[in-house]
C-alpha cells in the first residue's frame, strides 16, 4: 500500500519539470530519473549543500540513491565513536577471537624470494 502511494505521488509530480517529492518523516527526496537527468548539476549541488539524500525512481520503483559524501573528519569521528562504544561493550578479547587471529596468521605465508 505504501509503495503504491509512493508510485502515485511520483507519477503526479513527474508531469512537472523537476518537482521533488518530499515526505516529512523522511530526509530523502524522490525523483524520477528523467527529472534528475534534466537538472543533474542543480541536484548534485542541492545534495551537497543540504546534506540530504535523493532517491531516483524508474517506473515508480527506487533504483538508486544519491547521497552526500562525508568529510574525512566526520568519518574519523564516527569511527572513533564506534570503537569506543565497541570497547565498552567488549572490554576484553575472548579466546575465540585470539584463536581466530592465530589461525589466520598460520595460514599466511611470507612471500617467497624469487631469486632463491
PDB file of N, CA and C in Angstrom:
ATOM      1  N   UNK A   1       0.823  -1.187   0.000  1.00  0.00           N
ATOM      2  CA  UNK A   1       0.000   0.000   0.000  1.00  0.00           C
ATOM      3  C   UNK A   1       0.871   1.257   0.000  1.00  0.00           C
ATOM      4  N   UNK A   2       1.939   1.255   0.805  1.00  0.00           N
ATOM      5  CA  UNK A   2       2.831   2.418   0.855  1.00  0.00           C
ATOM      6  C   UNK A   2       3.518   2.611  -0.497  1.00  0.00           C
ATOM      7  N   UNK A   3       3.956   1.504  -1.111  1.00  0.00           N
ATOM      8  CA  UNK A   3       4.629   1.597  -2.403  1.00  0.00           C
ATOM      9  C   UNK A   3       3.691   2.167  -3.452  1.00  0.00           C
ATOM     10  N   UNK A   4       2.431   1.719  -3.477  1.00  0.00           N
ATOM     11  CA  UNK A   4       1.500   2.237  -4.473  1.00  0.00           C
ATOM     12  C   UNK A   4       1.239   3.722  -4.247  1.00  0.00           C
ATOM     13  N   UNK A   5       1.180   4.152  -2.997  1.00  0.00           N
ATOM     14  CA  UNK A   5       1.016   5.573  -2.704  1.00  0.00           C
ATOM     15  C   UNK A   5       2.224   6.351  -3.208  1.00  0.00           C
ATOM     16  N   UNK A   6       3.418   5.836  -2.960  1.00  0.00           N
ATOM     17  CA  UNK A   6       4.629   6.494  -3.457  1.00  0.00           C
ATOM     18  C   UNK A   6       4.623   6.562  -4.978  1.00  0.00           C
ATOM     19  N   UNK A   7       4.225   5.478  -5.623  1.00  0.00           N
ATOM     20  CA  UNK A   7       4.188   5.462  -7.088  1.00  0.00           C
ATOM     21  C   UNK A   7       3.210   6.504  -7.617  1.00  0.00           C
ATOM     22  N   UNK A   8       2.052   6.612  -6.987  1.00  0.00           N
ATOM     23  CA  UNK A   8       1.071   7.601  -7.433  1.00  0.00           C
ATOM     24  C   UNK A   8       1.594   9.022  -7.235  1.00  0.00           C
ATOM     25  N   UNK A   9       2.248   9.265  -6.107  1.00  0.00           N
ATOM     26  CA  UNK A   9       2.813  10.598  -5.877  1.00  0.00           C
ATOM     27  C   UNK A   9       3.891  10.923  -6.902  1.00  0.00           C
ATOM     28  N   UNK A  10       4.707   9.947  -7.225  1.00  0.00           N
ATOM     29  CA  UNK A  10       5.764  10.166  -8.207  1.00  0.00           C
ATOM     30  C   UNK A  10       5.168  10.434  -9.574  1.00  0.00           C
ATOM     31  N   UNK A  11       4.163   9.659  -9.963  1.00  0.00           N
ATOM     32  CA  UNK A  11       3.515   9.890 -11.268  1.00  0.00           C
ATOM     33  C   UNK A  11       2.913  11.281 -11.332  1.00  0.00           C
ATOM     34  N   UNK A  12       2.269  11.696 -10.251  1.00  0.00           N
ATOM     35  CA  UNK A  12       1.657  13.022 -10.216  1.00  0.00           C
ATOM     36  C   UNK A  12       2.705  14.117 -10.375  1.00  0.00           C
ATOM     37  N   UNK A  13       3.797  13.990  -9.652  1.00  0.00           N
ATOM     38  CA  UNK A  13       4.831  15.016  -9.681  1.00  0.00           C
ATOM     39  C   UNK A  13       5.729  14.929 -10.910  1.00  0.00           C
ATOM     40  N   UNK A  14       5.805  13.774 -11.548  1.00  0.00           N
ATOM     41  CA  UNK A  14       6.710  13.649 -12.688  1.00  0.00           C
ATOM     42  C   UNK A  14       6.190  14.363 -13.924  1.00  0.00           C
ATOM     43  N   UNK A  15       4.943  14.814 -13.907  1.00  0.00           N
ATOM     44  CA  UNK A  15       4.421  15.563 -15.049  1.00  0.00           C
ATOM     45  C   UNK A  15       4.944  16.995 -15.046  1.00  0.00           C
ATOM     46  N   UNK A  16       5.494  17.434 -13.948  1.00  0.00           N
ATOM     47  CA  UNK A  16       6.047  18.781 -13.862  1.00  0.00           C
ATOM     48  C   UNK A  16       7.555  18.727 -14.071  1.00  0.00           C
ATOM     49  N   UNK A  17       8.148  19.872 -14.343  1.00  0.00           N
ATOM     50  CA  UNK A  17       9.596  19.935 -14.529  1.00  0.00           C
ATOM     51  C   UNK A  17      10.275  19.988 -13.170  1.00  0.00           C
ATOM     52  N   UNK A  18      10.920  18.913 -12.805  1.00  0.00           N
ATOM     53  CA  UNK A  18      11.671  18.747 -11.573  1.00  0.00           C
ATOM     54  C   UNK A  18      10.965  19.284 -10.343  1.00  0.00           C
ATOM     55  N   UNK A  19       9.968  18.559  -9.940  1.00  0.00           N
ATOM     56  CA  UNK A  19       9.290  18.849  -8.695  1.00  0.00           C
ATOM     57  C   UNK A  19       9.585  17.710  -7.742  1.00  0.00           C
ATOM     58  N   UNK A  20      10.492  17.904  -6.809  1.00  0.00           N
ATOM     59  CA  UNK A  20      10.835  16.801  -5.910  1.00  0.00           C
ATOM     60  C   UNK A  20       9.682  16.460  -4.986  1.00  0.00           C
ATOM     61  N   UNK A  21       9.574  15.209  -4.654  1.00  0.00           N
ATOM     62  CA  UNK A  21       8.575  14.744  -3.704  1.00  0.00           C
ATOM     63  C   UNK A  21       9.275  14.609  -2.362  1.00  0.00           C
ATOM     64  N   UNK A  22       8.769  15.278  -1.363  1.00  0.00           N
ATOM     65  CA  UNK A  22       9.365  15.203  -0.032  1.00  0.00           C
ATOM     66  C   UNK A  22       8.340  14.640   0.944  1.00  0.00           C
ATOM     67  N   UNK A  23       8.820  13.853   1.852  1.00  0.00           N
ATOM     68  CA  UNK A  23       7.974  13.309   2.891  1.00  0.00           C
ATOM     69  C   UNK A  23       8.475  13.832   4.216  1.00  0.00           C
ATOM     70  N   UNK A  24       7.577  14.323   5.073  1.00  0.00           N
ATOM     71  CA  UNK A  24       8.021  14.947   6.315  1.00  0.00           C
ATOM     72  C   UNK A  24       8.793  14.025   7.253  1.00  0.00           C
ATOM     73  N   UNK A  25       8.525  12.727   7.217  1.00  0.00           N
ATOM     74  CA  UNK A  25       9.203  11.816   8.133  1.00  0.00           C
ATOM     75  C   UNK A  25      10.507  11.284   7.563  1.00  0.00           C
ATOM     76  N   UNK A  26      10.781  11.582   6.300  1.00  0.00           N
ATOM     77  CA  UNK A  26      11.985  11.071   5.654  1.00  0.00           C
ATOM     78  C   UNK A  26      12.868  12.238   5.257  1.00  0.00           C
ATOM     79  N   UNK A  27      14.169  12.050   5.285  1.00  0.00           N
ATOM     80  CA  UNK A  27      15.066  13.120   4.878  1.00  0.00           C
ATOM     81  C   UNK A  27      15.563  12.874   3.449  1.00  0.00           C
ATOM     82  N   UNK A  28      14.776  12.154   2.661  1.00  0.00           N
ATOM     83  CA  UNK A  28      15.144  11.877   1.282  1.00  0.00           C
ATOM     84  C   UNK A  28      14.136  12.511   0.335  1.00  0.00           C
ATOM     85  N   UNK A  29      14.618  12.898  -0.815  1.00  0.00           N
ATOM     86  CA  UNK A  29      13.773  13.412  -1.874  1.00  0.00           C
ATOM     87  C   UNK A  29      13.640  12.320  -2.921  1.00  0.00           C
ATOM     88  N   UNK A  30      12.449  12.158  -3.475  1.00  0.00           N
ATOM     89  CA  UNK A  30      12.225  11.177  -4.521  1.00  0.00           C
ATOM     90  C   UNK A  30      12.111  11.883  -5.853  1.00  0.00           C
ATOM     91  N   UNK A  31      12.859  11.415  -6.839  1.00  0.00           N
ATOM     92  CA  UNK A  31      12.827  12.000  -8.184  1.00  0.00           C
ATOM     93  C   UNK A  31      12.845  10.888  -9.214  1.00  0.00           C
ATOM     94  N   UNK A  32      12.168  11.124 -10.324  1.00  0.00           N
ATOM     95  CA  UNK A  32      12.290  10.176 -11.423  1.00  0.00           C
ATOM     96  C   UNK A  32      13.657  10.390 -12.068  1.00  0.00           C
ATOM     97  N   UNK A  33      14.145   9.366 -12.750  1.00  0.00           N
ATOM     98  CA  UNK A  33      15.454   9.521 -13.386  1.00  0.00           C
ATOM     99  C   UNK A  33      15.398  10.551 -14.499  1.00  0.00           C
ATOM    100  N   UNK A  34      14.235  10.718 -15.113  1.00  0.00           N
ATOM    101  CA  UNK A  34      14.095  11.737 -16.154  1.00  0.00           C
ATOM    102  C   UNK A  34      14.255  13.133 -15.570  1.00  0.00           C
ATOM    103  N   UNK A  35      13.593  13.387 -14.427  1.00  0.00           N
ATOM    104  CA  UNK A  35      13.717  14.692 -13.768  1.00  0.00           C
ATOM    105  C   UNK A  35      15.144  14.939 -13.301  1.00  0.00           C
ATOM    106  N   UNK A  36      15.778  13.910 -12.773  1.00  0.00           N
ATOM    107  CA  UNK A  36      17.155  14.051 -12.298  1.00  0.00           C
ATOM    108  C   UNK A  36      18.086  14.362 -13.461  1.00  0.00           C
ATOM    109  N   UNK A  37      17.862  13.743 -14.600  1.00  0.00           N
ATOM    110  CA  UNK A  37      18.723  13.979 -15.763  1.00  0.00           C
ATOM    111  C   UNK A  37      18.592  15.413 -16.259  1.00  0.00           C
ATOM    112  N   UNK A  38      17.395  15.978 -16.168  1.00  0.00           N
ATOM    113  CA  UNK A  38      17.175  17.350 -16.643  1.00  0.00           C
ATOM    114  C   UNK A  38      17.930  18.379 -15.814  1.00  0.00           C
ATOM    115  N   UNK A  39      18.151  18.077 -14.551  1.00  0.00           N
ATOM    116  CA  UNK A  39      18.744  19.095 -13.663  1.00  0.00           C
ATOM    117  C   UNK A  39      19.841  18.505 -12.792  1.00  0.00           C
ATOM    118  N   UNK A  40      20.652  17.640 -13.346  1.00  0.00           N
ATOM    119  CA  UNK A  40      21.665  16.945 -12.553  1.00  0.00           C
ATOM    120  C   UNK A  40      22.620  17.897 -11.820  1.00  0.00           C
ATOM    121  N   UNK A  41      23.170  18.930 -12.461  1.00  0.00           N
ATOM    122  CA  UNK A  41      24.086  19.811 -11.710  1.00  0.00           C
ATOM    123  C   UNK A  41      23.422  20.461 -10.494  1.00  0.00           C
ATOM    124  N   UNK A  42      22.191  20.948 -10.668  1.00  0.00           N
ATOM    125  CA  UNK A  42      21.491  21.568  -9.542  1.00  0.00           C
ATOM    126  C   UNK A  42      21.160  20.531  -8.467  1.00  0.00           C
ATOM    127  N   UNK A  43      20.828  19.337  -8.905  1.00  0.00           N
ATOM    128  CA  UNK A  43      20.526  18.253  -7.964  1.00  0.00           C
ATOM    129  C   UNK A  43      21.741  17.908  -7.111  1.00  0.00           C
ATOM    130  N   UNK A  44      22.888  17.765  -7.746  1.00  0.00           N
ATOM    131  CA  UNK A  44      24.122  17.429  -7.025  1.00  0.00           C
ATOM    132  C   UNK A  44      24.501  18.557  -6.071  1.00  0.00           C
ATOM    133  N   UNK A  45      24.366  19.802  -6.521  1.00  0.00           N
ATOM    134  CA  UNK A  45      24.649  20.934  -5.636  1.00  0.00           C
ATOM    135  C   UNK A  45      23.733  20.916  -4.417  1.00  0.00           C
ATOM    136  N   UNK A  46      22.449  20.612  -4.638  1.00  0.00           N
ATOM    137  CA  UNK A  46      21.498  20.553  -3.527  1.00  0.00           C
ATOM    138  C   UNK A  46      21.833  19.457  -2.533  1.00  0.00           C
ATOM    139  N   UNK A  47      22.225  18.297  -3.051  1.00  0.00           N
ATOM    140  CA  UNK A  47      22.606  17.188  -2.170  1.00  0.00           C
ATOM    141  C   UNK A  47      23.822  17.583  -1.333  1.00  0.00           C
ATOM    142  N   UNK A  48      24.773  18.231  -1.971  1.00  0.00           N
ATOM    143  CA  UNK A  48      25.993  18.646  -1.265  1.00  0.00           C
ATOM    144  C   UNK A  48      25.692  19.709  -0.206  1.00  0.00           C
ATOM    145  N   UNK A  49      24.904  20.716  -0.563  1.00  0.00           N
ATOM    146  CA  UNK A  49      24.655  21.832   0.348  1.00  0.00           C
ATOM    147  C   UNK A  49      23.732  21.457   1.504  1.00  0.00           C
ATOM    148  N   UNK A  50      22.657  20.720   1.213  1.00  0.00           N
ATOM    149  CA  UNK A  50      21.667  20.397   2.242  1.00  0.00           C
ATOM    150  C   UNK A  50      22.010  19.126   3.010  1.00  0.00           C
ATOM    151  N   UNK A  51      22.851  18.287   2.424  1.00  0.00           N
ATOM    152  CA  UNK A  51      23.213  17.041   3.081  1.00  0.00           C
ATOM    153  C   UNK A  51      22.105  16.005   3.073  1.00  0.00           C
ATOM    154  N   UNK A  52      21.121  16.161   2.174  1.00  0.00           N
ATOM    155  CA  UNK A  52      20.007  15.230   2.103  1.00  0.00           C
ATOM    156  C   UNK A  52      20.190  14.276   0.932  1.00  0.00           C
ATOM    157  N   UNK A  53      19.715  13.068   1.103  1.00  0.00           N
ATOM    158  CA  UNK A  53      19.802  12.073   0.039  1.00  0.00           C
ATOM    159  C   UNK A  53      18.653  12.252  -0.948  1.00  0.00           C
ATOM    160  N   UNK A  54      18.888  11.797  -2.175  1.00  0.00           N
ATOM    161  CA  UNK A  54      17.866  11.805  -3.212  1.00  0.00           C
ATOM    162  C   UNK A  54      17.749  10.381  -3.740  1.00  0.00           C
ATOM    163  N   UNK A  55      16.522   9.873  -3.782  1.00  0.00           N
ATOM    164  CA  UNK A  55      16.268   8.535  -4.310  1.00  0.00           C
ATOM    165  C   UNK A  55      15.733   8.693  -5.727  1.00  0.00           C
ATOM    166  N   UNK A  56      16.372   7.996  -6.667  1.00  0.00           N
ATOM    167  CA  UNK A  56      15.945   8.043  -8.058  1.00  0.00           C
ATOM    168  C   UNK A  56      14.997   6.885  -8.339  1.00  0.00           C
ATOM    169  N   UNK A  57      13.920   7.209  -9.028  1.00  0.00           N
ATOM    170  CA  UNK A  57      12.891   6.218  -9.311  1.00  0.00           C
ATOM    171  C   UNK A  57      12.781   5.972 -10.808  1.00  0.00           C
ATOM    172  N   UNK A  58      12.538   4.729 -11.162  1.00  0.00           N
ATOM    173  CA  UNK A  58      12.285   4.344 -12.550  1.00  0.00           C
ATOM    174  C   UNK A  58      11.009   3.517 -12.544  1.00  0.00           C
ATOM    175  N   UNK A  59      10.034   3.971 -13.266  1.00  0.00           N
ATOM    176  CA  UNK A  59       8.720   3.317 -13.283  1.00  0.00           C
ATOM    177  C   UNK A  59       8.140   3.201 -11.879  1.00  0.00           C
ATOM    178  N   UNK A  60       8.386   4.217 -11.075  1.00  0.00           N
ATOM    179  CA  UNK A  60       7.839   4.253  -9.731  1.00  0.00           C
ATOM    180  C   UNK A  60       8.592   3.443  -8.694  1.00  0.00           C
ATOM    181  N   UNK A  61       9.667   2.797  -9.108  1.00  0.00           N
ATOM    182  CA  UNK A  61      10.443   1.980  -8.168  1.00  0.00           C
ATOM    183  C   UNK A  61      11.794   2.624  -7.890  1.00  0.00           C
ATOM    184  N   UNK A  62      12.250   2.584  -6.637  1.00  0.00           N
ATOM    185  CA  UNK A  62      13.570   3.136  -6.328  1.00  0.00           C
ATOM    186  C   UNK A  62      14.670   2.283  -6.951  1.00  0.00           C
ATOM    187  N   UNK A  63      15.605   2.941  -7.667  1.00  0.00           N
ATOM    188  CA  UNK A  63      16.696   2.193  -8.307  1.00  0.00           C
ATOM    189  C   UNK A  63      18.073   2.686  -7.879  1.00  0.00           C
ATOM    190  N   UNK A  64      18.155   3.912  -7.369  1.00  0.00           N
ATOM    191  CA  UNK A  64      19.467   4.436  -6.978  1.00  0.00           C
ATOM    192  C   UNK A  64      19.272   5.528  -5.929  1.00  0.00           C
ATOM    193  N   UNK A  65      20.345   5.797  -5.204  1.00  0.00           N
ATOM    194  CA  UNK A  65      20.325   6.846  -4.194  1.00  0.00           C
ATOM    195  C   UNK A  65      21.565   7.707  -4.370  1.00  0.00           C
ATOM    196  N   UNK A  66      21.361   9.013  -4.378  1.00  0.00           N
ATOM    197  CA  UNK A  66      22.475   9.965  -4.416  1.00  0.00           C
ATOM    198  C   UNK A  66      22.599  10.525  -3.005  1.00  0.00           C
ATOM    199  N   UNK A  67      23.774  10.338  -2.410  1.00  0.00           N
ATOM    200  CA  UNK A  67      23.978  10.768  -1.026  1.00  0.00           C
ATOM    201  C   UNK A  67      25.200  11.663  -0.951  1.00  0.00           C
ATOM    202  N   UNK A  68      25.214  12.583   0.013  1.00  0.00           N
ATOM    203  CA  UNK A  68      26.404  13.419   0.178  1.00  0.00           C
ATOM    204  C   UNK A  68      27.560  12.606   0.736  1.00  0.00           C
ATOM    205  N   UNK A  69      28.751  12.977   0.344  1.00  0.00           N
ATOM    206  CA  UNK A  69      29.951  12.325   0.851  1.00  0.00           C
ATOM    207  C   UNK A  69      30.352  13.034   2.137  1.00  0.00           C
ATOM    208  N   UNK A  70      30.586  12.242   3.178  1.00  0.00           N
ATOM    209  CA  UNK A  70      31.007  12.834   4.447  1.00  0.00           C
ATOM    210  C   UNK A  70      32.450  13.296   4.346  1.00  0.00           C
ATOM    211  N   UNK A  71      32.737  14.353   5.073  1.00  0.00           N
ATOM    212  CA  UNK A  71      34.114  14.840   5.144  1.00  0.00           C
ATOM    213  C   UNK A  71      34.952  13.834   5.911  1.00  0.00           C
ATOM    214  N   UNK A  72      36.222  13.799   5.629  1.00  0.00           N
ATOM    215  CA  UNK A  72      37.131  12.849   6.278  1.00  0.00           C
ATOM    216  C   UNK A  72      37.089  12.983   7.803  1.00  0.00           C
ATOM    217  N   UNK A  73      36.954  14.220   8.303  1.00  0.00           N
ATOM    218  CA  UNK A  73      36.915  14.427   9.753  1.00  0.00           C
ATOM    219  C   UNK A  73      35.679  13.767  10.360  1.00  0.00           C
ATOM    220  N   UNK A  74      34.541  13.853   9.654  1.00  0.00           N
ATOM    221  CA  UNK A  74      33.318  13.229  10.154  1.00  0.00           C
ATOM    222  C   UNK A  74      33.471  11.719  10.199  1.00  0.00           C
ATOM    223  N   UNK A  75      34.058  11.149   9.152  1.00  0.00           N
ATOM    224  CA  UNK A  75      34.260   9.708   9.117  1.00  0.00           C
ATOM    225  C   UNK A  75      35.166   9.256  10.255  1.00  0.00           C
ATOM    226  N   UNK A  76      36.214  10.026  10.519  1.00  0.00           N
ATOM    227  CA  UNK A  76      37.130   9.687  11.601  1.00  0.00           C
ATOM    228  C   UNK A  76      36.415   9.746  12.947  1.00  0.00           C
ATOM    229  N   UNK A  77      35.608  10.794  13.156  1.00  0.00           N
ATOM    230  CA  UNK A  77      34.861  10.912  14.409  1.00  0.00           C
ATOM    231  C   UNK A  77      33.898   9.752  14.574  1.00  0.00           C
ATOM    232  N   UNK A  78      33.216   9.367  13.481  1.00  0.00           N
ATOM    233  CA  UNK A  78      32.292   8.236  13.544  1.00  0.00           C
ATOM    234  C   UNK A  78      33.024   6.948  13.899  1.00  0.00           C
ATOM    235  N   UNK A  79      34.181   6.731  13.308  1.00  0.00           N
ATOM    236  CA  UNK A  79      34.950   5.523  13.582  1.00  0.00           C
ATOM    237  C   UNK A  79      35.429   5.493  15.024  1.00  0.00           C
ATOM    238  N   UNK A  80      35.934   6.612  15.505  1.00  0.00           N
ATOM    239  CA  UNK A  80      36.411   6.679  16.887  1.00  0.00           C
ATOM    240  C   UNK A  80      35.254   6.428  17.849  1.00  0.00           C
ATOM    241  N   UNK A  81      34.095   7.015  17.587  1.00  0.00           N
ATOM    242  CA  UNK A  81      32.933   6.804  18.451  1.00  0.00           C
ATOM    243  C   UNK A  81      32.510   5.338  18.438  1.00  0.00           C
ATOM    244  N   UNK A  82      32.510   4.723  17.259  1.00  0.00           N
ATOM    245  CA  UNK A  82      32.159   3.308  17.165  1.00  0.00           C
ATOM    246  C   UNK A  82      33.132   2.446  17.952  1.00  0.00           C
ATOM    247  N   UNK A  83      34.427   2.703  17.804  1.00  0.00           N
ATOM    248  CA  UNK A  83      35.431   1.893  18.503  1.00  0.00           C
ATOM    249  C   UNK A  83      35.329   2.057  20.020  1.00  0.00           C
ATOM    250  N   UNK A  84      35.056   3.273  20.472  1.00  0.00           N
ATOM    251  CA  UNK A  84      34.892   3.485  21.917  1.00  0.00           C
ATOM    252  C   UNK A  84      33.679   2.733  22.446  1.00  0.00           C
ATOM    253  N   UNK A  85      32.577   2.797  21.709  1.00  0.00           N
ATOM    254  CA  UNK A  85      31.372   2.081  22.120  1.00  0.00           C
ATOM    255  C   UNK A  85      31.607   0.570  22.112  1.00  0.00           C
ATOM    256  N   UNK A  86      32.278   0.091  21.082  1.00  0.00           N
ATOM    257  CA  UNK A  86      32.582  -1.338  20.978  1.00  0.00           C
ATOM    258  C   UNK A  86      33.464  -1.786  22.134  1.00  0.00           C
ATOM    259  N   UNK A  87      34.437  -0.963  22.492  1.00  0.00           N
ATOM    260  CA  UNK A  87      35.364  -1.309  23.577  1.00  0.00           C
ATOM    261  C   UNK A  87      34.635  -1.386  24.914  1.00  0.00           C
ATOM    262  N   UNK A  88      33.614  -0.519  25.096  1.00  0.00           N
ATOM    263  CA  UNK A  88      32.827  -0.588  26.324  1.00  0.00           C
ATOM    264  C   UNK A  88      31.986  -1.867  26.375  1.00  0.00           C
ATOM    265  N   UNK A  89      31.459  -2.268  25.228  1.00  0.00           N
ATOM    266  CA  UNK A  89      30.664  -3.497  25.166  1.00  0.00           C
ATOM    267  C   UNK A  89      31.516  -4.742  25.364  1.00  0.00           C
ATOM    268  N   UNK A  90      32.684  -4.744  24.733  1.00  0.00           N
ATOM    269  CA  UNK A  90      33.565  -5.905  24.753  1.00  0.00           C
ATOM    270  C   UNK A  90      34.940  -5.491  25.273  1.00  0.00           C
ATOM    271  N   UNK A  91      35.081  -5.358  26.588  1.00  0.00           N
ATOM    272  CA  UNK A  91      36.341  -4.837  27.134  1.00  0.00           C
ATOM    273  C   UNK A  91      37.534  -5.760  26.937  1.00  0.00           C
ATOM    274  N   UNK A  92      37.317  -7.061  26.921  1.00  0.00           N
ATOM    275  CA  UNK A  92      38.428  -7.993  26.758  1.00  0.00           C
ATOM    276  C   UNK A  92      38.181  -8.888  25.552  1.00  0.00           C
ATOM    277  N   UNK A  93      39.192  -9.074  24.723  1.00  0.00           N
ATOM    278  CA  UNK A  93      39.005 -10.007  23.617  1.00  0.00           C
ATOM    279  C   UNK A  93      38.801 -11.406  24.166  1.00  0.00           C
ATOM    280  N   UNK A  94      37.934 -12.165  23.538  1.00  0.00           N
ATOM    281  CA  UNK A  94      37.683 -13.515  24.031  1.00  0.00           C
ATOM    282  C   UNK A  94      38.663 -14.516  23.407  1.00  0.00           C
ATOM    283  N   UNK A  95      38.655 -15.718  23.949  1.00  0.00           N
ATOM    284  CA  UNK A  95      39.574 -16.764  23.480  1.00  0.00           C
ATOM    285  C   UNK A  95      39.319 -17.128  22.023  1.00  0.00           C
ATOM    286  N   UNK A  96      38.068 -17.096  21.615  1.00  0.00           N
ATOM    287  CA  UNK A  96      37.732 -17.455  20.241  1.00  0.00           C
ATOM    288  C   UNK A  96      38.370 -16.465  19.258  1.00  0.00           C
ATOM    289  N   UNK A  97      38.357 -15.184  19.600  1.00  0.00           N
ATOM    290  CA  UNK A  97      38.985 -14.182  18.746  1.00  0.00           C
ATOM    291  C   UNK A  97      40.491 -14.420  18.673  1.00  0.00           C
ATOM    292  N   UNK A  98      41.102 -14.688  19.809  1.00  0.00           N
ATOM    293  CA  UNK A  98      42.547 -14.936  19.839  1.00  0.00           C
ATOM    294  C   UNK A  98      42.901 -16.152  18.990  1.00  0.00           C
ATOM    295  N   UNK A  99      42.089 -17.207  19.068  1.00  0.00           N
ATOM    296  CA  UNK A  99      42.335 -18.405  18.258  1.00  0.00           C
ATOM    297  C   UNK A  99      42.182 -18.095  16.768  1.00  0.00           C
ATOM    298  N   UNK A 100      41.185 -17.305  16.426  1.00  0.00           N
ATOM    299  CA  UNK A 100      40.963 -16.947  15.020  1.00  0.00           C
ATOM    300  C   UNK A 100      42.131 -16.141  14.473  1.00  0.00           C
ATOM    301  N   UNK A 101      42.673 -15.255  15.295  1.00  0.00           N
ATOM    302  CA  UNK A 101      43.825 -14.457  14.869  1.00  0.00           C
ATOM    303  C   UNK A 101      45.034 -15.354  14.646  1.00  0.00           C
ATOM    304  N   UNK A 102      45.273 -16.257  15.573  1.00  0.00           N
ATOM    305  CA  UNK A 102      46.409 -17.178  15.429  1.00  0.00           C
ATOM    306  C   UNK A 102      46.244 -18.074  14.210  1.00  0.00           C
ATOM    307  N   UNK A 103      45.038 -18.538  13.971  1.00  0.00           N
ATOM    308  CA  UNK A 103      44.782 -19.397  12.820  1.00  0.00           C
ATOM    309  C   UNK A 103      45.018 -18.641  11.512  1.00  0.00           C
ATOM    310  N   UNK A 104      44.567 -17.393  11.464  1.00  0.00           N
ATOM    311  CA  UNK A 104      44.776 -16.617  10.241  1.00  0.00           C
ATOM    312  C   UNK A 104      46.262 -16.330  10.025  1.00  0.00           C
ATOM    313  N   UNK A 105      46.989 -16.110  11.099  1.00  0.00           N
ATOM    314  CA  UNK A 105      48.428 -15.871  10.966  1.00  0.00           C
ATOM    315  C   UNK A 105      49.164 -17.116  10.483  1.00  0.00           C
ATOM    316  N   UNK A 106      48.700 -18.281  10.892  1.00  0.00           N
ATOM    317  CA  UNK A 106      49.379 -19.513  10.475  1.00  0.00           C
ATOM    318  C   UNK A 106      49.113 -19.847   9.004  1.00  0.00           C
ATOM    319  N   UNK A 107      48.013 -19.360   8.458  1.00  0.00           N
ATOM    320  CA  UNK A 107      47.714 -19.646   7.049  1.00  0.00           C
ATOM    321  C   UNK A 107      48.417 -18.687   6.102  1.00  0.00           C
ATOM    322  N   UNK A 108      48.895 -17.587   6.624  1.00  0.00           N
ATOM    323  CA  UNK A 108      49.586 -16.604   5.783  1.00  0.00           C
ATOM    324  C   UNK A 108      51.062 -16.987   5.702  1.00  0.00           C
ATOM    325  N   UNK A 109      51.519 -17.144   4.499  1.00  0.00           N
ATOM    326  CA  UNK A 109      52.934 -17.470   4.293  1.00  0.00           C
ATOM    327  C   UNK A 109      53.678 -16.221   3.866  1.00  0.00           C
ATOM    328  N   UNK A 110      54.894 -16.109   4.338  1.00  0.00           N
ATOM    329  CA  UNK A 110      55.685 -14.955   3.929  1.00  0.00           C
ATOM    330  C   UNK A 110      56.035 -15.105   2.447  1.00  0.00           C
ATOM    331  N   UNK A 111      56.160 -13.990   1.759  1.00  0.00           N
ATOM    332  CA  UNK A 111      56.450 -14.068   0.326  1.00  0.00           C
ATOM    333  C   UNK A 111      57.765 -14.790   0.057  1.00  0.00           C
ATOM    334  N   UNK A 112      57.771 -15.579  -0.984  1.00  0.00           N
ATOM    335  CA  UNK A 112      58.982 -16.323  -1.360  1.00  0.00           C
ATOM    336  C   UNK A 112      59.868 -15.409  -2.204  1.00  0.00           C
ATOM    337  N   UNK A 113      61.144 -15.472  -1.932  1.00  0.00           N
ATOM    338  CA  UNK A 113      62.099 -14.689  -2.695  1.00  0.00           C
ATOM    339  C   UNK A 113      62.284 -15.363  -4.059  1.00  0.00           C
ATOM    340  N   UNK A 114      61.954 -14.692  -5.153  1.00  0.00           N
ATOM    341  CA  UNK A 114      62.045 -15.307  -6.468  1.00  0.00           C
ATOM    342  C   UNK A 114      63.489 -15.589  -6.890  1.00  0.00           C
ATOM    343  N   UNK A 115      64.462 -14.995  -6.222  1.00  0.00           N
ATOM    344  CA  UNK A 115      65.864 -15.163  -6.614  1.00  0.00           C
ATOM    345  C   UNK A 115      66.536 -16.354  -5.919  1.00  0.00           C
ATOM    346  N   UNK A 116      65.794 -16.965  -5.009  1.00  0.00           N
ATOM    347  CA  UNK A 116      66.390 -18.113  -4.309  1.00  0.00           C
ATOM    348  C   UNK A 116      66.031 -19.405  -4.971  1.00  0.00           C
TER     349      UNK A 116
END
